[in-house]
Amino acid sequence: MAGAYDDRDGVIWMDGKLVPWRDANVHILTHAMHYASSVFEGERAYGGKIFLSKRHSERLLKSGEMI
């Protein structure tokens, strides 16, 4: 089992920079937390190349335009 997400070593990308994992917090009243007003698009890489990168990027931008 992976363990608790709030108690990890290392860094994570947040607000355009890498921050220590334990310092990566969002306020409880964040709009995205209450109303799902955010978008996410996962991209996989195989052999160092992002699979269907253009499609993923276009879908991410389109999703962002909708909210």
Protein backbone atom coordinates (compact mmCIF):
# COMPACT_ATOMS: atom_id res chain seq x y z
CA MET A 1 0.00 0.00 0.00
CA ALA A 2 1.27 3.49 -0.87
CA GLY A 3 0.59 5.17 2.47
CA ALA A 4 -0.88 8.55 3.29
CA TYR A 5 -0.72 11.15 0.53
CA ASP A 6 -0.06 13.98 2.98
CA ASP A 7 3.07 12.44 4.50
CA ARG A 8 5.59 11.84 1.73
CA ASP A 9 9.14 12.85 1.00
CA GLY A 10 10.15 14.59 -2.21
CA VAL A 11 8.62 17.36 -4.26
CA ILE A 12 5.48 17.86 -6.33
CA TRP A 13 4.55 20.38 -9.05
CA MET A 14 2.21 23.09 -7.72
CA ASP A 15 1.45 26.57 -9.04
CA GLY A 16 4.24 26.48 -11.59
CA LYS A 17 7.05 25.24 -9.37
CA LEU A 18 8.29 22.21 -7.48
CA VAL A 19 7.46 22.41 -3.77
CA PRO A 20 8.09 20.01 -0.89
CA TRP A 21 5.30 17.42 -0.84
CA ARG A 22 4.19 18.27 2.70
CA ASP A 23 3.88 21.98 1.81
CA ALA A 24 1.60 21.39 -1.20
CA ASN A 25 -1.78 22.34 0.23
CA VAL A 26 -4.89 24.05 -1.09
CA HIS A 27 -7.36 26.03 0.99
CA ILE A 28 -10.51 24.15 2.00
CA LEU A 29 -12.66 26.82 0.34
CA THR A 30 -10.93 26.48 -3.03
CA HIS A 31 -13.59 26.69 -5.74
CA ALA A 32 -12.23 23.66 -7.59
CA MET A 33 -12.64 21.52 -4.46
CA HIS A 34 -16.33 22.37 -4.07
CA TYR A 35 -17.50 22.67 -7.65
CA ALA A 36 -14.99 20.64 -9.68
CA SER A 37 -14.05 23.77 -11.63
CA SER A 38 -10.74 22.45 -12.87
CA VAL A 39 -9.49 20.26 -15.69
CA PHE A 40 -6.94 17.47 -15.85
CA GLU A 41 -5.49 15.52 -18.73
CA GLY A 42 -3.10 12.65 -18.15
CA GLU A 43 -0.46 11.93 -20.76
CA ARG A 44 1.61 8.76 -20.97
CA ALA A 45 5.08 8.59 -22.41
CA TYR A 46 6.55 5.55 -24.09
CA GLY A 47 10.24 5.52 -24.90
CA GLY A 48 10.49 9.20 -24.00
CA LYS A 49 7.72 10.26 -26.40
CA ILE A 50 4.28 11.41 -25.24
CA PHE A 51 1.59 9.15 -26.71
CA LEU A 52 -0.93 11.14 -28.79
CA SER A 53 0.37 14.40 -27.34
CA LYS A 54 -1.47 16.66 -29.79
CA ARG A 55 -4.84 15.03 -29.04
CA HIS A 56 -4.29 15.24 -25.29
CA SER A 57 -3.25 18.88 -25.47
CA GLU A 58 -6.20 19.84 -27.66
CA ARG A 59 -8.63 18.05 -25.33
CA LEU A 60 -7.11 19.81 -22.30
CA LEU A 61 -7.47 23.24 -23.92
CA LYS A 62 -11.03 22.49 -25.04
CA SER A 63 -11.96 21.36 -21.52
CA GLY A 64 -10.48 24.54 -20.07
CA GLU A 65 -12.52 26.68 -22.46
CA MET A 66 -15.72 25.00 -21.27
CA ILE A 67 -15.40 26.03 -17.64
